[in-house]
Amino acid sequence: MAEEVKSLDELNSVVEGGDEAVATETYIPREPVRDDLGRSYATGKRKDAVARVWIKPGSGKVTVNGKEMDKYFARPVLQMILRQPFTVAGVDGEFDVMATVTGGGLSGQAGAVKHGISKALQLYEPSLRPALKAAGFLTRDSRVVERKKYGRRKARRSFQFSKR
């Protein structure tokens, strides 16, 4: 890099040559991460909920805290949230899911399981990572409830003001 670049063509040749060298050296294909039973494990989080998720090839059965998905998450919207990673990755009905969730409410727990499923899918099959990443399913949603402040009714809501 000590040589001086005097024209645009020289600059392009230096940049193109440099990109190829860097791209071939740094690219390392990801290896699938599976345990002895052929499962992948991941932890998903959303609000106060934490989900431990195991996935393995199967018929598409989803078990949450020992119950079927439609029994634990009765609302169709929550069931749809759990199915999103499989739909985006294009692997509907190919994996069985076993999840344990603690903390938060049902909405946060559904989000946590979705996050865990997405992470476990990309560990099981690294080729699914680009689709899940583009959909934003691998990113932890860091929004949590703001704490209550003293002298206020809630985090930002003040007590009612009385002029007299």
N, C-alpha and C. Protein backbone atom coordinates (compact mmCIF):
# COMPACT_ATOMS: atom_id res chain seq x y z
N MET A 1 0.83 -1.19 0.00
CA MET A 1 0.00 0.00 0.00
C MET A 1 0.87 1.25 0.00
N ALA A 2 2.18 1.10 0.03
CA ALA A 2 3.10 2.23 0.07
C ALA A 2 3.15 2.97 -1.26
N GLU A 3 2.78 2.32 -2.35
CA GLU A 3 2.82 2.98 -3.65
C GLU A 3 1.71 4.02 -3.75
N GLU A 4 1.97 5.07 -4.52
CA GLU A 4 1.02 6.16 -4.64
C GLU A 4 0.08 5.91 -5.82
N VAL A 5 -1.21 6.12 -5.62
CA VAL A 5 -2.22 5.94 -6.66
C VAL A 5 -2.49 7.31 -7.28
N LYS A 6 -2.30 7.40 -8.61
CA LYS A 6 -2.42 8.71 -9.26
C LYS A 6 -3.64 8.84 -10.15
N SER A 7 -4.30 7.73 -10.51
CA SER A 7 -5.47 7.84 -11.38
C SER A 7 -6.61 6.98 -10.83
N LEU A 8 -7.79 7.21 -11.38
CA LEU A 8 -8.96 6.48 -10.94
C LEU A 8 -8.87 5.00 -11.32
N ASP A 9 -8.31 4.70 -12.49
CA ASP A 9 -8.16 3.31 -12.92
C ASP A 9 -7.24 2.54 -11.98
N GLU A 10 -6.15 3.18 -11.56
CA GLU A 10 -5.24 2.52 -10.61
C GLU A 10 -5.96 2.26 -9.28
N LEU A 11 -6.76 3.23 -8.87
CA LEU A 11 -7.51 3.08 -7.61
C LEU A 11 -8.48 1.90 -7.71
N ASN A 12 -9.20 1.79 -8.83
CA ASN A 12 -10.13 0.68 -9.02
C ASN A 12 -9.41 -0.66 -8.99
N SER A 13 -8.25 -0.73 -9.62
CA SER A 13 -7.51 -2.00 -9.65
C SER A 13 -7.03 -2.38 -8.25
N VAL A 14 -6.62 -1.39 -7.48
CA VAL A 14 -6.16 -1.67 -6.10
C VAL A 14 -7.34 -2.13 -5.25
N VAL A 15 -8.48 -1.45 -5.38
CA VAL A 15 -9.65 -1.79 -4.57
C VAL A 15 -10.18 -3.17 -4.96
N GLU A 16 -10.30 -3.45 -6.25
CA GLU A 16 -10.80 -4.75 -6.70
C GLU A 16 -9.89 -5.88 -6.26
N GLY A 17 -8.60 -5.70 -6.40
CA GLY A 17 -7.65 -6.73 -5.98
C GLY A 17 -7.71 -6.96 -4.49
N GLY A 18 -7.86 -5.87 -3.72
CA GLY A 18 -7.92 -5.98 -2.26
C GLY A 18 -9.16 -6.69 -1.79
N ASP A 19 -10.33 -6.41 -2.42
CA ASP A 19 -11.59 -7.04 -2.02
C ASP A 19 -11.54 -8.55 -2.19
N GLU A 20 -11.02 -9.01 -3.31
CA GLU A 20 -10.98 -10.45 -3.57
C GLU A 20 -10.11 -11.16 -2.55
N ALA A 21 -8.98 -10.56 -2.24
CA ALA A 21 -8.06 -11.19 -1.29
C ALA A 21 -8.71 -11.28 0.10
N VAL A 22 -9.35 -10.20 0.51
CA VAL A 22 -9.97 -10.16 1.84
C VAL A 22 -11.15 -11.13 1.90
N ALA A 23 -11.98 -11.15 0.85
CA ALA A 23 -13.19 -11.98 0.85
C ALA A 23 -12.84 -13.46 0.91
N THR A 24 -11.81 -13.90 0.20
CA THR A 24 -11.47 -15.31 0.21
C THR A 24 -10.82 -15.73 1.52
N GLU A 25 -10.10 -14.83 2.16
CA GLU A 25 -9.42 -15.18 3.41
C GLU A 25 -10.38 -15.22 4.60
N THR A 26 -11.32 -14.27 4.68
CA THR A 26 -12.13 -14.14 5.89
C THR A 26 -13.40 -15.01 5.87
N TYR A 27 -13.87 -15.48 4.72
CA TYR A 27 -15.11 -16.25 4.68
C TYR A 27 -14.88 -17.65 5.25
N ILE A 28 -15.61 -17.94 6.34
CA ILE A 28 -15.54 -19.27 6.95
C ILE A 28 -16.97 -19.79 7.01
N PRO A 29 -17.27 -20.88 6.32
CA PRO A 29 -18.65 -21.39 6.36
C PRO A 29 -19.03 -21.84 7.76
N ARG A 30 -20.28 -21.58 8.14
CA ARG A 30 -20.75 -21.95 9.48
C ARG A 30 -21.04 -23.45 9.52
N GLU A 31 -20.75 -24.04 10.66
CA GLU A 31 -21.02 -25.45 10.88
C GLU A 31 -22.32 -25.59 11.67
N PRO A 32 -23.14 -26.60 11.36
CA PRO A 32 -24.35 -26.83 12.17
C PRO A 32 -23.97 -27.19 13.61
N VAL A 33 -24.76 -26.69 14.56
CA VAL A 33 -24.52 -26.99 15.97
C VAL A 33 -25.66 -27.86 16.46
N ARG A 34 -25.35 -29.15 16.72
CA ARG A 34 -26.37 -30.11 17.18
C ARG A 34 -25.80 -30.95 18.32
N ASP A 35 -26.70 -31.40 19.22
CA ASP A 35 -26.24 -32.25 20.32
C ASP A 35 -26.29 -33.73 19.91
N ASP A 36 -26.07 -34.62 20.88
CA ASP A 36 -26.01 -36.06 20.60
C ASP A 36 -27.35 -36.61 20.08
N LEU A 37 -28.45 -35.95 20.45
CA LEU A 37 -29.78 -36.42 20.03
C LEU A 37 -30.23 -35.76 18.72
N GLY A 38 -29.37 -34.99 18.08
CA GLY A 38 -29.71 -34.35 16.82
C GLY A 38 -30.56 -33.10 16.97
N ARG A 39 -30.50 -32.48 18.16
CA ARG A 39 -31.29 -31.28 18.41
C ARG A 39 -30.39 -30.05 18.42
N SER A 40 -30.98 -28.89 18.18
CA SER A 40 -30.29 -27.62 18.36
C SER A 40 -31.00 -26.87 19.48
N TYR A 41 -30.21 -26.17 20.30
CA TYR A 41 -30.74 -25.44 21.45
C TYR A 41 -30.44 -23.95 21.30
N ALA A 42 -31.39 -23.13 21.71
CA ALA A 42 -31.17 -21.68 21.74
C ALA A 42 -32.04 -21.06 22.82
N THR A 43 -31.62 -19.90 23.28
CA THR A 43 -32.37 -19.14 24.27
C THR A 43 -32.95 -17.92 23.59
N GLY A 44 -34.26 -17.70 23.75
CA GLY A 44 -34.91 -16.52 23.19
C GLY A 44 -35.40 -15.63 24.31
N LYS A 45 -35.36 -14.31 24.08
CA LYS A 45 -35.80 -13.37 25.10
C LYS A 45 -36.67 -12.29 24.47
N ARG A 46 -37.67 -11.81 25.27
CA ARG A 46 -38.53 -10.71 24.86
C ARG A 46 -39.17 -10.16 26.12
N LYS A 47 -39.08 -8.85 26.32
CA LYS A 47 -39.54 -8.19 27.55
C LYS A 47 -38.94 -8.93 28.75
N ASP A 48 -39.78 -9.45 29.65
CA ASP A 48 -39.26 -10.17 30.82
C ASP A 48 -39.26 -11.69 30.62
N ALA A 49 -39.69 -12.15 29.47
CA ALA A 49 -39.82 -13.59 29.21
C ALA A 49 -38.52 -14.18 28.67
N VAL A 50 -38.19 -15.37 29.15
CA VAL A 50 -37.01 -16.11 28.68
C VAL A 50 -37.47 -17.50 28.25
N ALA A 51 -37.12 -17.88 27.02
CA ALA A 51 -37.54 -19.18 26.50
C ALA A 51 -36.32 -20.03 26.18
N ARG A 52 -36.35 -21.27 26.63
CA ARG A 52 -35.32 -22.25 26.26
C ARG A 52 -35.95 -23.15 25.20
N VAL A 53 -35.34 -23.21 24.03
CA VAL A 53 -35.97 -23.87 22.88
C VAL A 53 -35.05 -24.94 22.30
N TRP A 54 -35.61 -26.14 22.10
CA TRP A 54 -34.90 -27.22 21.41
C TRP A 54 -35.68 -27.54 20.16
N ILE A 55 -34.98 -27.68 19.01
CA ILE A 55 -35.66 -28.11 17.78
C ILE A 55 -34.97 -29.35 17.24
N LYS A 56 -35.76 -30.22 16.62
CA LYS A 56 -35.23 -31.41 15.97
C LYS A 56 -36.13 -31.74 14.79
N PRO A 57 -35.63 -32.47 13.80
CA PRO A 57 -36.48 -32.81 12.66
C PRO A 57 -37.68 -33.62 13.12
N GLY A 58 -38.83 -33.32 12.53
CA GLY A 58 -40.05 -34.03 12.94
C GLY A 58 -41.23 -33.63 12.09
N SER A 59 -42.41 -33.66 12.71
CA SER A 59 -43.65 -33.45 11.97
C SER A 59 -44.23 -32.05 12.16
N GLY A 60 -43.56 -31.18 12.91
CA GLY A 60 -44.06 -29.83 13.11
C GLY A 60 -44.81 -29.64 14.41
N LYS A 61 -44.63 -30.56 15.38
CA LYS A 61 -45.32 -30.47 16.67
C LYS A 61 -44.60 -29.45 17.55
N VAL A 62 -45.35 -28.52 18.14
CA VAL A 62 -44.77 -27.49 19.01
C VAL A 62 -45.31 -27.69 20.42
N THR A 63 -44.40 -27.90 21.38
CA THR A 63 -44.78 -28.09 22.78
C THR A 63 -44.17 -26.96 23.61
N VAL A 64 -45.02 -26.27 24.37
CA VAL A 64 -44.56 -25.17 25.22
C VAL A 64 -44.93 -25.49 26.66
N ASN A 65 -43.95 -25.59 27.54
CA ASN A 65 -44.15 -25.93 28.95
C ASN A 65 -44.99 -27.19 29.12
N GLY A 66 -44.76 -28.19 28.28
CA GLY A 66 -45.45 -29.47 28.38
C GLY A 66 -46.84 -29.50 27.77
N LYS A 67 -47.32 -28.38 27.21
CA LYS A 67 -48.64 -28.32 26.59
C LYS A 67 -48.50 -28.10 25.09
N GLU A 68 -49.53 -28.48 24.36
CA GLU A 68 -49.56 -28.20 22.92
C GLU A 68 -49.60 -26.68 22.71
N MET A 69 -49.09 -26.23 21.56
CA MET A 69 -49.04 -24.80 21.28
C MET A 69 -50.43 -24.16 21.33
N ASP A 70 -51.44 -24.81 20.73
CA ASP A 70 -52.78 -24.21 20.69
C ASP A 70 -53.46 -24.20 22.05
N LYS A 71 -53.01 -25.03 22.99
CA LYS A 71 -53.55 -25.00 24.35
C LYS A 71 -52.87 -23.90 25.17
N TYR A 72 -51.53 -23.77 25.04
CA TYR A 72 -50.79 -22.78 25.83
C TYR A 72 -51.04 -21.37 25.30
N PHE A 73 -50.89 -21.19 23.98
CA PHE A 73 -51.16 -19.90 23.35
C PHE A 73 -52.49 -20.01 22.63
N ALA A 74 -53.58 -19.67 23.33
CA ALA A 74 -54.93 -19.87 22.79
C ALA A 74 -55.26 -18.87 21.68
N ARG A 75 -54.70 -17.66 21.74
CA ARG A 75 -55.03 -16.65 20.73
C ARG A 75 -54.34 -16.97 19.40
N PRO A 76 -55.07 -16.89 18.30
CA PRO A 76 -54.48 -17.19 16.98
C PRO A 76 -53.29 -16.30 16.63
N VAL A 77 -53.30 -15.05 17.11
CA VAL A 77 -52.20 -14.13 16.81
C VAL A 77 -50.90 -14.65 17.41
N LEU A 78 -50.95 -15.19 18.62
CA LEU A 78 -49.75 -15.71 19.27
C LEU A 78 -49.25 -16.97 18.56
N GLN A 79 -50.18 -17.80 18.08
CA GLN A 79 -49.79 -19.00 17.33
C GLN A 79 -49.13 -18.60 16.02
N MET A 80 -49.63 -17.54 15.39
CA MET A 80 -49.04 -17.05 14.14
C MET A 80 -47.61 -16.56 14.39
N ILE A 81 -47.40 -15.88 15.52
CA ILE A 81 -46.06 -15.38 15.87
C ILE A 81 -45.09 -16.55 15.97
N LEU A 82 -45.52 -17.66 16.56
CA LEU A 82 -44.65 -18.83 16.71
C LEU A 82 -44.34 -19.49 15.37
N ARG A 83 -45.27 -19.40 14.42
CA ARG A 83 -45.05 -20.04 13.11
C ARG A 83 -44.21 -19.20 12.15
N GLN A 84 -44.06 -17.90 12.42
CA GLN A 84 -43.36 -17.01 11.50
C GLN A 84 -41.96 -17.47 11.09
N PRO A 85 -41.09 -17.89 12.02
CA PRO A 85 -39.74 -18.29 11.60
C PRO A 85 -39.74 -19.44 10.59
N PHE A 86 -40.65 -20.40 10.77
CA PHE A 86 -40.71 -21.54 9.85
C PHE A 86 -41.20 -21.09 8.47
N THR A 87 -42.17 -20.17 8.45
CA THR A 87 -42.70 -19.67 7.18
C THR A 87 -41.64 -18.90 6.41
N VAL A 88 -40.93 -18.02 7.10
CA VAL A 88 -39.89 -17.22 6.45
C VAL A 88 -38.76 -18.10 5.93
N ALA A 89 -38.38 -19.11 6.73
CA ALA A 89 -37.28 -20.00 6.33
C ALA A 89 -37.73 -21.04 5.30
N GLY A 90 -39.05 -21.21 5.15
CA GLY A 90 -39.58 -22.17 4.19
C GLY A 90 -39.47 -23.62 4.64
N VAL A 91 -39.57 -23.84 5.95
CA VAL A 91 -39.46 -25.21 6.49
C VAL A 91 -40.69 -25.55 7.34
N ASP A 92 -41.87 -25.19 6.86
CA ASP A 92 -43.11 -25.47 7.60
C ASP A 92 -43.30 -26.96 7.82
N GLY A 93 -43.57 -27.35 9.07
CA GLY A 93 -43.86 -28.75 9.38
C GLY A 93 -42.68 -29.70 9.31
N GLU A 94 -41.45 -29.18 9.30
CA GLU A 94 -40.27 -30.05 9.22
C GLU A 94 -39.56 -30.24 10.56
N PHE A 95 -39.90 -29.40 11.55
CA PHE A 95 -39.20 -29.47 12.83
C PHE A 95 -40.18 -29.56 13.99
N ASP A 96 -39.81 -30.37 15.00
CA ASP A 96 -40.54 -30.39 16.27
C ASP A 96 -39.87 -29.42 17.22
N VAL A 97 -40.68 -28.72 18.00
CA VAL A 97 -40.16 -27.72 18.93
C VAL A 97 -40.57 -28.10 20.34
N MET A 98 -39.60 -28.04 21.28
CA MET A 98 -39.89 -28.24 22.70
C MET A 98 -39.35 -27.00 23.40
N ALA A 99 -40.24 -26.24 24.03
CA ALA A 99 -39.82 -24.99 24.66
C ALA A 99 -40.31 -24.91 26.10
N THR A 100 -39.48 -24.28 26.94
CA THR A 100 -39.92 -23.94 28.30
C THR A 100 -39.76 -22.44 28.44
N VAL A 101 -40.82 -21.79 28.91
CA VAL A 101 -40.83 -20.32 29.01
C VAL A 101 -41.13 -19.90 30.43
N THR A 102 -40.43 -18.88 30.89
CA THR A 102 -40.71 -18.32 32.22
C THR A 102 -40.73 -16.80 32.10
N GLY A 103 -41.46 -16.16 33.01
CA GLY A 103 -41.48 -14.70 33.09
C GLY A 103 -42.38 -14.05 32.07
N GLY A 104 -42.76 -12.81 32.38
CA GLY A 104 -43.56 -12.02 31.45
C GLY A 104 -44.97 -12.52 31.28
N GLY A 105 -45.65 -11.96 30.28
CA GLY A 105 -47.01 -12.37 29.95
C GLY A 105 -47.01 -13.21 28.69
N LEU A 106 -48.19 -13.54 28.21
CA LEU A 106 -48.29 -14.43 27.05
C LEU A 106 -47.67 -13.82 25.79
N SER A 107 -47.86 -12.53 25.58
CA SER A 107 -47.32 -11.88 24.38
C SER A 107 -45.79 -11.90 24.40
N GLY A 108 -45.21 -11.55 25.55
CA GLY A 108 -43.76 -11.58 25.67
C GLY A 108 -43.22 -12.99 25.54
N GLN A 109 -43.95 -13.97 26.09
CA GLN A 109 -43.51 -15.36 26.00
C GLN A 109 -43.55 -15.85 24.56
N ALA A 110 -44.58 -15.46 23.81
CA ALA A 110 -44.65 -15.85 22.39
C ALA A 110 -43.47 -15.25 21.62
N GLY A 111 -43.15 -14.01 21.90
CA GLY A 111 -42.00 -13.36 21.26
C GLY A 111 -40.69 -14.04 21.62
N ALA A 112 -40.57 -14.46 22.88
CA ALA A 112 -39.35 -15.14 23.33
C ALA A 112 -39.19 -16.49 22.64
N VAL A 113 -40.29 -17.24 22.50
CA VAL A 113 -40.23 -18.54 21.83
C VAL A 113 -39.88 -18.35 20.35
N LYS A 114 -40.46 -17.32 19.73
CA LYS A 114 -40.15 -17.03 18.32
C LYS A 114 -38.66 -16.72 18.16
N HIS A 115 -38.12 -15.91 19.05
CA HIS A 115 -36.69 -15.58 19.00
C HIS A 115 -35.84 -16.83 19.18
N GLY A 116 -36.23 -17.68 20.13
CA GLY A 116 -35.50 -18.92 20.37
C GLY A 116 -35.56 -19.88 19.19
N ILE A 117 -36.74 -20.00 18.57
CA ILE A 117 -36.90 -20.88 17.41
C ILE A 117 -36.00 -20.38 16.27
N SER A 118 -35.99 -19.07 16.05
CA SER A 118 -35.18 -18.50 14.97
C SER A 118 -33.70 -18.79 15.18
N LYS A 119 -33.24 -18.58 16.42
CA LYS A 119 -31.82 -18.82 16.71
C LYS A 119 -31.47 -20.30 16.58
N ALA A 120 -32.37 -21.17 17.05
CA ALA A 120 -32.12 -22.61 16.97
C ALA A 120 -32.14 -23.09 15.51
N LEU A 121 -33.03 -22.54 14.69
CA LEU A 121 -33.10 -22.91 13.27
C LEU A 121 -31.80 -22.58 12.56
N GLN A 122 -31.27 -21.38 12.81
CA GLN A 122 -30.03 -20.99 12.12
C GLN A 122 -28.83 -21.77 12.65
N LEU A 123 -28.91 -22.27 13.88
CA LEU A 123 -27.83 -23.14 14.38
C LEU A 123 -27.94 -24.53 13.77
N TYR A 124 -29.17 -25.03 13.61
CA TYR A 124 -29.38 -26.35 13.05
C TYR A 124 -29.01 -26.38 11.56
N GLU A 125 -29.47 -25.36 10.84
CA GLU A 125 -29.21 -25.29 9.39
C GLU A 125 -28.71 -23.88 9.05
N PRO A 126 -27.38 -23.67 9.00
CA PRO A 126 -26.82 -22.33 8.77
C PRO A 126 -27.27 -21.67 7.46
N SER A 127 -27.73 -22.44 6.49
CA SER A 127 -28.17 -21.85 5.22
C SER A 127 -29.47 -21.06 5.38
N LEU A 128 -30.20 -21.26 6.50
CA LEU A 128 -31.44 -20.51 6.75
C LEU A 128 -31.17 -19.14 7.35
N ARG A 129 -29.93 -18.88 7.77
CA ARG A 129 -29.60 -17.64 8.46
C ARG A 129 -29.94 -16.37 7.67
N PRO A 130 -29.58 -16.27 6.37
CA PRO A 130 -29.87 -15.01 5.66
C PRO A 130 -31.36 -14.64 5.65
N ALA A 131 -32.24 -15.61 5.45
CA ALA A 131 -33.68 -15.32 5.43
C ALA A 131 -34.16 -14.85 6.79
N LEU A 132 -33.72 -15.53 7.86
CA LEU A 132 -34.14 -15.16 9.21
C LEU A 132 -33.56 -13.81 9.61
N LYS A 133 -32.33 -13.54 9.22
CA LYS A 133 -31.67 -12.28 9.55
C LYS A 133 -32.38 -11.13 8.83
N ALA A 134 -32.72 -11.33 7.54
CA ALA A 134 -33.39 -10.29 6.77
C ALA A 134 -34.75 -9.95 7.36
N ALA A 135 -35.44 -10.96 7.90
CA ALA A 135 -36.75 -10.73 8.52
C ALA A 135 -36.63 -10.09 9.90
N GLY A 136 -35.42 -10.06 10.47
CA GLY A 136 -35.20 -9.44 11.78
C GLY A 136 -35.51 -10.34 12.94
N PHE A 137 -35.58 -11.66 12.71
CA PHE A 137 -35.96 -12.59 13.77
C PHE A 137 -34.79 -12.97 14.67
N LEU A 138 -33.56 -12.72 14.26
CA LEU A 138 -32.40 -13.10 15.08
C LEU A 138 -31.99 -11.99 16.03
N THR A 139 -32.58 -10.81 15.86
CA THR A 139 -32.23 -9.68 16.71
C THR A 139 -33.14 -9.67 17.93
N ARG A 140 -32.55 -9.55 19.11
CA ARG A 140 -33.33 -9.51 20.34
C ARG A 140 -33.99 -8.14 20.45
N ASP A 141 -35.30 -8.12 20.63
CA ASP A 141 -36.03 -6.86 20.80
C ASP A 141 -35.77 -6.38 22.21
N SER A 142 -34.96 -5.33 22.35
CA SER A 142 -34.47 -4.93 23.67
C SER A 142 -35.43 -4.01 24.42
N ARG A 143 -36.60 -3.75 23.86
CA ARG A 143 -37.53 -2.85 24.54
C ARG A 143 -38.13 -3.53 25.77
N VAL A 144 -37.99 -2.88 26.92
CA VAL A 144 -38.57 -3.39 28.16
C VAL A 144 -39.34 -2.26 28.82
N VAL A 145 -40.16 -2.59 29.82
CA VAL A 145 -40.97 -1.59 30.50
C VAL A 145 -40.07 -0.62 31.26
N GLU A 146 -40.38 0.67 31.12
CA GLU A 146 -39.62 1.70 31.83
C GLU A 146 -40.01 1.68 33.30
N ARG A 147 -39.01 1.87 34.16
CA ARG A 147 -39.30 1.77 35.59
C ARG A 147 -40.12 2.97 36.08
N LYS A 148 -40.85 2.74 37.17
CA LYS A 148 -41.64 3.80 37.78
C LYS A 148 -40.71 4.79 38.48
N LYS A 149 -41.01 6.09 38.33
CA LYS A 149 -40.20 7.12 38.99
C LYS A 149 -40.93 7.61 40.24
N TYR A 150 -40.14 8.04 41.23
CA TYR A 150 -40.75 8.55 42.45
C TYR A 150 -41.40 9.90 42.14
N GLY A 151 -42.47 10.24 42.89
CA GLY A 151 -43.18 11.49 42.68
C GLY A 151 -44.11 11.45 41.47
N ARG A 152 -44.21 10.27 40.84
CA ARG A 152 -45.09 10.12 39.68
C ARG A 152 -45.98 8.89 39.89
N ARG A 153 -47.07 8.84 39.11
CA ARG A 153 -47.98 7.72 39.27
C ARG A 153 -47.45 6.47 38.56
N LYS A 154 -46.85 6.69 37.38
CA LYS A 154 -46.22 5.60 36.62
C LYS A 154 -44.84 6.08 36.21
N ALA A 155 -44.32 5.57 35.09
CA ALA A 155 -42.99 5.98 34.66
C ALA A 155 -42.97 7.46 34.26
N ARG A 156 -43.99 7.89 33.55
CA ARG A 156 -44.04 9.29 33.10
C ARG A 156 -45.31 10.01 33.50
N ARG A 157 -46.36 9.27 33.81
CA ARG A 157 -47.65 9.85 34.16
C ARG A 157 -47.56 10.49 35.54
N SER A 158 -47.96 11.76 35.60
CA SER A 158 -47.96 12.45 36.90
C SER A 158 -49.29 12.23 37.60
N PHE A 159 -49.30 12.57 38.89
CA PHE A 159 -50.56 12.56 39.62
C PHE A 159 -51.43 13.69 39.08
N GLN A 160 -52.75 13.57 39.22
CA GLN A 160 -53.64 14.60 38.70
C GLN A 160 -53.38 15.92 39.41
N PHE A 161 -53.30 16.99 38.60
CA PHE A 161 -53.04 18.31 39.15
C PHE A 161 -54.34 18.97 39.57
N SER A 162 -54.35 19.51 40.77
CA SER A 162 -55.54 20.23 41.25
C SER A 162 -55.15 21.66 41.55
N LYS A 163 -55.83 22.58 40.87
CA LYS A 163 -55.49 24.00 41.04
C LYS A 163 -55.98 24.50 42.40
N ARG A 164 -57.14 24.01 42.88
CA ARG A 164 -57.63 24.44 44.19
C ARG A 164 -58.06 23.24 45.01
